[in-house]
């Protein structure tokens, strides 16, 4: 299993390296864009996000911003209303508690109300530079892509635990980008995702994946990849990075990862399933070896040491170009510890993420 894991990670590293850096042309003609944010109880964050979006170096007449207030119990809606004179539109949901996937419902409603040719989704707690939108949209148009995933990174960490999350999250973002680079899209992040509106309707929107609360990004990617895998791109540009926050404690972190893992029950692409299962089995076998060693089976010592060392070295090879891309190479000092605890949490999440329910934005969903 160790050898399989090493080969898989090196294969994914090759996918990242195959992605070219994108350099935009400031004179390139742009299409009209609708940026959509589904927000629930985000009064503390939404203003900063909207400041970043309305401050984009993008033609005003080609930019539409729609925020969907998903039953907030705070002042999120009133904060958004303060941006009405800067072209931000507010949609307020009043569906009550009859849905499971509120976010998909919110995005779908905003898309039907939109006027842009290109839909760009982000979250209410994100920050981006002034050239973010221009890079993403121009990449999509110039490279003739129908869907574009772009980089997301944690920043402004307040603790060592949050710095560990940043490194682990870059590993996940790197895997998603590498899958696209290898021509086999696997994952993406809805905090920085773009697709053509006509593609959304061609794919039937979220039909077939709307029974899960999560998956407005990854499961939609899989639907598109069934027909247009070669037209899905990754905008490898520092100006295209969206920044967000790590989770402040272990409970919130594990709950988020359970939500992400819950999407795997709906994967249809066997290659994606095999990749995930192989990574999970490797980490499980590593944990079993550690348990055997602790129980007194000293012959497992060599296996544990060699497996951990190979895991750390191959992950270093994979992560180095990614952390360099976002100018966070100092995070690699955390890799030895992350290498060890990563296995434990992956095995746990792989189990609990596919059973039961979880809390999301104050709701218990499945």
Protein backbone atom coordinates (compact mmCIF):
# COMPACT_ATOMS: atom_id res chain seq x y z
CA UNK A 1 0.00 0.00 0.00
CA UNK A 2 2.90 2.36 0.69
CA UNK A 3 4.22 1.92 -2.84
CA UNK A 4 0.75 2.52 -4.29
CA UNK A 5 0.40 5.71 -2.24
CA UNK A 6 3.83 6.97 -3.34
CA UNK A 7 3.02 6.31 -7.00
CA UNK A 8 -0.36 8.04 -6.70
CA UNK A 9 1.06 11.16 -5.03
CA UNK A 10 3.89 11.41 -7.58
CA UNK A 11 1.28 11.04 -10.33
CA UNK A 12 -0.68 13.91 -8.80
CA UNK A 13 2.50 15.98 -8.50
CA UNK A 14 2.98 15.51 -12.24
CA UNK A 15 -0.56 16.83 -12.76
CA UNK A 16 0.21 20.01 -10.81
CA UNK A 17 3.45 20.56 -12.72
CA UNK A 18 1.63 20.14 -16.05
CA UNK A 19 -0.61 23.10 -15.31
CA UNK A 20 0.78 26.25 -16.98
CA UNK A 21 0.90 29.56 -15.16
CA UNK A 22 -1.68 31.95 -16.56
CA UNK A 23 -0.73 35.49 -17.57
CA UNK A 24 -3.75 37.64 -18.44
CA UNK A 25 -3.97 40.16 -21.26
CA UNK A 26 -5.45 43.44 -19.92
CA UNK A 27 -6.97 44.18 -23.33
CA UNK A 28 -8.78 40.88 -23.72
CA UNK A 29 -12.58 41.27 -24.27
CA UNK A 30 -14.57 39.93 -21.32
CA UNK A 31 -18.05 38.43 -20.99
CA UNK A 32 -20.64 39.51 -18.46
CA UNK A 33 -20.22 37.75 -15.12
CA UNK A 34 -22.51 37.07 -12.18
CA UNK A 35 -20.78 36.49 -8.83
CA UNK A 36 -22.99 34.50 -6.46
CA UNK A 37 -22.66 34.23 -2.69
CA UNK A 38 -24.94 32.08 -0.56
CA UNK A 39 -24.73 33.54 2.96
CA UNK A 40 -26.13 32.49 6.32
CA UNK A 41 -25.35 34.42 9.51
CA UNK A 42 -22.30 36.13 8.02
CA UNK A 43 -22.75 39.70 9.23
CA UNK A 44 -19.18 39.71 10.58
CA UNK A 45 -17.65 38.67 7.23
CA UNK A 46 -19.88 39.56 4.28
CA UNK A 47 -18.95 43.25 4.20
CA UNK A 48 -15.26 42.52 3.77
CA UNK A 49 -16.01 40.03 1.01
CA UNK A 50 -18.26 42.45 -0.85
CA UNK A 51 -15.63 45.20 -0.54
CA UNK A 52 -13.21 42.89 -2.35
CA UNK A 53 -15.72 42.07 -5.09
CA UNK A 54 -17.00 45.57 -5.84
CA UNK A 55 -13.37 46.70 -5.84
CA UNK A 56 -12.39 44.35 -8.66
CA UNK A 57 -10.51 45.65 -11.68
CA UNK A 58 -13.35 44.55 -13.90
CA UNK A 59 -15.72 46.56 -16.10
CA UNK A 60 -18.68 47.69 -13.96
CA UNK A 61 -21.17 47.10 -16.76
CA UNK A 62 -20.03 43.45 -17.02
CA UNK A 63 -20.24 42.63 -13.32
CA UNK A 64 -23.35 41.51 -11.46
CA UNK A 65 -23.24 40.46 -7.79
CA UNK A 66 -26.02 38.45 -6.16
CA UNK A 67 -26.08 37.55 -2.48
CA UNK A 68 -28.66 35.03 -1.31
CA UNK A 69 -29.50 35.42 2.36
CA UNK A 70 -30.18 31.90 3.55
CA UNK A 71 -32.51 32.41 6.53
CA UNK A 72 -29.98 34.41 8.52
CA UNK A 73 -30.89 35.26 12.09
CA UNK A 74 -28.38 38.11 12.30
CA UNK A 75 -27.90 41.31 10.28
CA UNK A 76 -26.46 39.69 7.14
CA UNK A 77 -29.30 40.95 4.95
CA UNK A 78 -29.03 44.52 6.21
CA UNK A 79 -25.28 44.56 5.62
CA UNK A 80 -25.84 43.42 2.03
CA UNK A 81 -28.52 46.07 1.49
CA UNK A 82 -25.86 48.68 2.24
CA UNK A 83 -24.16 47.69 -1.01
CA UNK A 84 -27.23 48.14 -3.21
CA UNK A 85 -25.88 51.38 -4.66
CA UNK A 86 -22.76 49.51 -5.77
CA UNK A 87 -24.63 46.94 -7.83
CA UNK A 88 -25.09 44.19 -5.23
CA UNK A 89 -28.47 42.45 -5.40
CA UNK A 90 -30.05 40.66 -2.44
CA UNK A 91 -32.31 37.62 -2.60
CA UNK A 92 -33.87 36.53 0.69
CA UNK A 93 -34.97 32.93 1.15
CA UNK A 94 -38.12 32.12 3.11
CA UNK A 95 -38.44 28.40 2.55
CA UNK A 96 -38.37 27.50 6.23
CA UNK A 97 -37.08 24.06 7.28
CA UNK A 98 -38.36 21.96 4.39
CA UNK A 99 -35.04 21.59 2.52
CA UNK A 100 -31.86 19.59 3.06
CA UNK A 101 -29.60 21.34 0.54
CA UNK A 102 -30.16 25.03 1.21
CA UNK A 103 -26.94 26.11 -0.47
CA UNK A 104 -27.74 24.40 -3.76
CA UNK A 105 -31.24 25.87 -3.62
CA UNK A 106 -29.81 29.34 -3.02
CA UNK A 107 -27.29 29.10 -5.87
CA UNK A 108 -29.90 27.71 -8.24
CA UNK A 109 -32.27 30.58 -7.43
CA UNK A 110 -29.53 33.14 -7.99
CA UNK A 111 -28.53 31.57 -11.31
CA UNK A 112 -32.12 31.78 -12.55
CA UNK A 113 -32.17 35.48 -11.60
CA UNK A 114 -28.74 36.21 -13.09
CA UNK A 115 -27.93 38.01 -16.34
CA UNK A 116 -24.29 37.00 -16.70
CA UNK A 117 -22.94 34.50 -19.23
CA UNK A 118 -20.49 33.19 -16.63
CA UNK A 119 -21.34 32.20 -13.06
CA UNK A 120 -18.67 32.61 -10.39
CA UNK A 121 -19.33 31.31 -6.89
CA UNK A 122 -17.51 32.26 -3.73
CA UNK A 123 -18.25 32.27 0.00
CA UNK A 124 -19.26 35.04 2.39
CA UNK A 125 -16.04 34.77 4.42
CA UNK A 126 -13.55 35.08 1.55
CA UNK A 127 -11.03 37.71 0.45
CA UNK A 128 -9.51 38.20 -2.96
CA UNK A 129 -7.18 40.62 -4.71
CA UNK A 130 -8.41 43.22 -7.22
CA UNK A 131 -7.37 41.14 -10.27
CA UNK A 132 -9.06 37.93 -9.13
CA UNK A 133 -12.14 38.07 -11.34
CA UNK A 134 -10.32 39.29 -14.42
CA UNK A 135 -7.85 36.39 -14.18
CA UNK A 136 -10.50 33.72 -13.70
CA UNK A 137 -12.84 34.97 -16.41
CA UNK A 138 -10.13 35.69 -18.96
CA UNK A 139 -8.59 32.27 -18.37
CA UNK A 140 -11.95 30.62 -18.96
CA UNK A 141 -12.59 32.53 -22.16
CA UNK A 142 -9.10 32.46 -23.66
CA UNK A 143 -8.61 28.76 -22.95
CA UNK A 144 -12.16 27.92 -24.07
CA UNK A 145 -13.12 26.20 -20.82
CA UNK A 146 -16.68 25.57 -19.69
CA UNK A 147 -15.75 25.23 -16.00
CA UNK A 148 -12.79 26.63 -14.10
CA UNK A 149 -11.57 25.75 -10.64
CA UNK A 150 -9.18 28.25 -9.05
CA UNK A 151 -6.94 28.20 -5.97
CA UNK A 152 -8.19 28.70 -2.40
CA UNK A 153 -5.90 29.19 0.57
CA UNK A 154 -6.24 29.84 4.29
CA UNK A 155 -4.48 32.90 5.69
CA UNK A 156 -4.45 35.16 8.75
CA UNK A 157 -4.01 32.11 11.00
CA UNK A 158 -4.34 32.78 14.71
CA UNK A 159 -2.86 29.56 16.10
CA UNK A 160 -0.57 26.64 15.38
CA UNK A 161 -3.63 24.46 14.81
CA UNK A 162 -4.80 26.81 12.06
CA UNK A 163 -1.36 26.73 10.41
CA UNK A 164 -1.54 22.93 10.35
CA UNK A 165 -4.92 23.22 8.64
CA UNK A 166 -3.47 25.58 6.03
CA UNK A 167 -0.85 23.03 5.02
CA UNK A 168 -3.38 20.20 4.94
CA UNK A 169 -5.83 22.33 2.96
CA UNK A 170 -3.16 23.16 0.38
CA UNK A 171 -2.65 19.42 -0.02
CA UNK A 172 -6.36 19.06 -0.86
CA UNK A 173 -6.39 22.05 -3.22
CA UNK A 174 -3.28 20.66 -4.89
CA UNK A 175 -4.95 17.30 -5.42
CA UNK A 176 -7.91 18.97 -7.09
CA UNK A 177 -5.68 21.04 -9.36
CA UNK A 178 -3.49 18.04 -10.16
CA UNK A 179 -6.51 15.96 -11.16
CA UNK A 180 -7.43 18.64 -13.68
CA UNK A 181 -3.82 18.78 -14.87
CA UNK A 182 -3.89 15.03 -15.47
CA UNK A 183 -7.17 15.27 -17.37
CA UNK A 184 -9.16 13.55 -14.61
CA UNK A 185 -11.01 16.22 -12.59
CA UNK A 186 -11.72 14.98 -9.06
CA UNK A 187 -12.25 17.85 -6.63
CA UNK A 188 -12.74 21.61 -6.55
CA UNK A 189 -13.83 24.25 -4.06
CA UNK A 190 -16.99 26.34 -4.36
CA UNK A 191 -15.21 29.31 -2.81
CA UNK A 192 -13.53 29.84 -6.19
CA UNK A 193 -15.46 28.14 -8.97
CA UNK A 194 -16.66 29.41 -12.34
CA UNK A 195 -18.81 27.87 -15.04
CA UNK A 196 -20.89 28.95 -17.99
CA UNK A 197 -24.54 29.51 -17.18
CA UNK A 198 -25.69 27.61 -20.24
CA UNK A 199 -23.56 24.66 -19.08
CA UNK A 200 -25.37 24.66 -15.74
CA UNK A 201 -28.72 24.31 -17.46
CA UNK A 202 -27.36 21.77 -19.96
CA UNK A 203 -26.25 19.59 -17.04
CA UNK A 204 -29.68 19.88 -15.44
CA UNK A 205 -28.33 22.04 -12.66
CA UNK A 206 -28.17 20.23 -9.34
CA UNK A 207 -30.74 17.60 -10.34
CA UNK A 208 -29.60 14.22 -9.10
CA UNK A 209 -27.27 15.64 -6.46
CA UNK A 210 -29.70 17.91 -4.62
CA UNK A 211 -30.53 15.39 -1.89
CA UNK A 212 -27.18 16.05 -0.17
CA UNK A 213 -26.59 19.28 1.71
CA UNK A 214 -23.05 19.53 0.39
CA UNK A 215 -21.69 19.05 -3.15
CA UNK A 216 -22.67 22.25 -4.96
CA UNK A 217 -19.07 22.31 -6.22
CA UNK A 218 -17.54 18.84 -6.38
CA UNK A 219 -20.59 16.85 -7.45
CA UNK A 220 -21.38 19.44 -10.11
CA UNK A 221 -17.78 19.10 -11.30
CA UNK A 222 -18.27 15.35 -11.66
CA UNK A 223 -21.43 15.85 -13.71
CA UNK A 224 -19.58 18.18 -16.06
CA UNK A 225 -16.54 15.90 -16.23
CA UNK A 226 -18.65 13.03 -17.56
CA UNK A 227 -19.07 15.00 -20.79
CA UNK A 228 -16.49 17.80 -20.81
CA UNK A 229 -13.46 16.62 -18.82
CA UNK A 230 -11.11 18.22 -21.34
CA UNK A 231 -12.90 21.58 -21.02
CA UNK A 232 -12.43 21.88 -17.25
CA UNK A 233 -9.47 24.05 -16.30
CA UNK A 234 -7.54 25.28 -13.29
CA UNK A 235 -6.50 28.94 -13.23
CA UNK A 236 -2.93 28.71 -11.95
CA UNK A 237 -2.39 32.36 -11.15
CA UNK A 238 -1.45 34.01 -7.85
CA UNK A 239 -3.89 36.81 -8.64
CA UNK A 240 -6.68 34.22 -8.89
CA UNK A 241 -6.26 32.96 -5.30
CA UNK A 242 -9.19 33.34 -2.91
CA UNK A 243 -8.34 33.50 0.78
CA UNK A 244 -10.50 32.26 3.63
CA UNK A 245 -10.19 31.18 7.26
CA UNK A 246 -9.25 27.90 8.88
CA UNK A 247 -11.49 26.46 11.59
CA UNK A 248 -10.86 27.79 15.09
CA UNK A 249 -11.11 24.46 16.92
CA UNK A 250 -10.98 20.70 16.42
CA UNK A 251 -14.75 20.21 16.62
CA UNK A 252 -15.43 22.73 13.85
CA UNK A 253 -12.62 21.26 11.74
CA UNK A 254 -13.88 17.68 12.02
CA UNK A 255 -17.46 18.76 11.30
CA UNK A 256 -16.32 20.54 8.14
CA UNK A 257 -14.36 17.50 6.96
CA UNK A 258 -17.34 15.23 7.69
CA UNK A 259 -19.42 17.47 5.44
CA UNK A 260 -16.83 17.31 2.68
CA UNK A 261 -16.47 13.54 2.99
CA UNK A 262 -20.24 13.03 2.82
CA UNK A 263 -20.12 13.84 -0.88
CA UNK A 264 -18.13 10.68 -1.64
CA UNK A 265 -21.27 8.52 -1.37
CA UNK A 266 -22.47 10.08 -4.64
CA UNK A 267 -19.28 9.65 -6.67
CA UNK A 268 -19.99 7.91 -9.99
CA UNK A 269 -16.53 8.11 -11.55
CA UNK A 270 -14.76 4.87 -10.63
CA UNK A 271 -11.33 6.47 -11.01
CA UNK A 272 -12.18 9.01 -8.32
CA UNK A 273 -13.51 6.28 -6.05
CA UNK A 274 -10.42 4.11 -6.55
CA UNK A 275 -8.12 7.05 -5.83
CA UNK A 276 -9.93 7.85 -2.59
CA UNK A 277 -10.10 4.23 -1.47
CA UNK A 278 -6.39 3.67 -2.12
CA UNK A 279 -5.41 6.72 -0.08
CA UNK A 280 -7.76 5.65 2.74
CA UNK A 281 -6.48 2.05 2.75
CA UNK A 282 -2.87 3.19 2.88
CA UNK A 283 -3.55 5.33 5.93
CA UNK A 284 -5.56 2.53 7.53
CA UNK A 285 -2.71 0.04 6.99
CA UNK A 286 -0.28 2.53 8.49
CA UNK A 287 -2.45 2.94 11.58
CA UNK A 288 -2.82 -0.83 11.94
CA UNK A 289 0.96 -1.18 11.80
CA UNK A 290 1.33 1.45 14.54
CA UNK A 291 -1.21 -0.37 16.73
CA UNK A 292 0.62 -3.65 16.23
CA UNK A 293 3.86 -2.00 17.24
CA UNK A 294 2.27 -0.60 20.39
CA UNK A 295 0.93 -4.07 21.23
CA UNK A 296 4.44 -5.47 21.23
CA UNK A 297 4.90 -6.71 17.69
CA UNK A 298 8.39 -5.24 17.33
CA UNK A 299 8.76 -6.61 13.80
CA UNK A 300 6.34 -3.87 12.73
CA UNK A 301 8.82 -1.16 13.76
CA UNK A 302 10.73 -1.15 10.47
CA UNK A 303 7.52 -1.11 8.45
CA UNK A 304 6.13 1.84 10.41
CA UNK A 305 9.35 3.88 10.17
CA UNK A 306 9.82 3.21 6.45
CA UNK A 307 6.16 3.92 5.64
CA UNK A 308 6.09 7.19 7.59
CA UNK A 309 9.36 8.32 6.05
CA UNK A 310 8.21 7.55 2.51
CA UNK A 311 4.87 9.23 3.20
CA UNK A 312 6.54 12.39 4.44
CA UNK A 313 9.07 12.54 1.58
CA UNK A 314 6.51 12.05 -1.18
CA UNK A 315 4.17 14.58 0.42
CA UNK A 316 7.07 17.01 0.64
CA UNK A 317 7.73 16.51 -3.07
CA UNK A 318 4.06 17.14 -3.80
CA UNK A 319 3.58 20.10 -1.49
CA UNK A 320 6.76 22.03 -2.18
CA UNK A 321 5.68 23.53 -5.55
CA UNK A 322 2.21 24.24 -4.15
CA UNK A 323 3.35 26.11 -1.03
CA UNK A 324 5.85 27.94 -3.23
CA UNK A 325 3.01 29.00 -5.49
CA UNK A 326 1.20 30.71 -2.59
CA UNK A 327 4.43 31.95 -0.94
CA UNK A 328 3.97 29.82 2.19
CA UNK A 329 7.07 27.58 2.15
CA UNK A 330 7.57 28.05 5.91
CA UNK A 331 4.50 25.85 6.45
CA UNK A 332 6.58 22.82 5.48
CA UNK A 333 8.18 22.82 8.94
CA UNK A 334 4.84 21.43 10.10
CA UNK A 335 4.92 18.48 7.70
CA UNK A 336 6.51 15.86 10.04
CA UNK A 337 3.71 16.28 12.59
CA UNK A 338 1.02 16.52 9.94
CA UNK A 339 2.32 13.33 8.31
CA UNK A 340 1.58 11.42 11.50
CA UNK A 341 -1.79 12.89 12.52
CA UNK A 342 -3.02 13.04 8.92
CA UNK A 343 -3.43 9.27 8.81
CA UNK A 344 -5.50 9.16 11.98
CA UNK A 345 -7.90 11.88 10.92
CA UNK A 346 -8.27 10.57 7.35
CA UNK A 347 -9.30 7.12 8.53
CA UNK A 348 -11.76 8.61 11.02
CA UNK A 349 -13.29 11.03 8.52
CA UNK A 350 -13.52 8.34 5.86
CA UNK A 351 -15.82 6.40 8.17
CA UNK A 352 -17.95 9.04 9.91
CA UNK A 353 -18.23 11.21 6.81
CA UNK A 354 -20.27 8.51 5.08
CA UNK A 355 -22.71 7.80 7.87
CA UNK A 356 -25.19 9.83 9.83
CA UNK A 357 -25.69 13.59 9.88
CA UNK A 358 -23.65 16.68 10.68
CA UNK A 359 -24.16 20.29 11.71
CA UNK A 360 -23.81 23.02 9.10
CA UNK A 361 -24.61 26.66 9.73
CA UNK A 362 -26.74 25.82 12.74
CA UNK A 363 -28.68 23.07 10.98
CA UNK A 364 -28.46 19.30 11.24
CA UNK A 365 -28.33 17.92 7.71
CA UNK A 366 -27.26 14.82 5.82
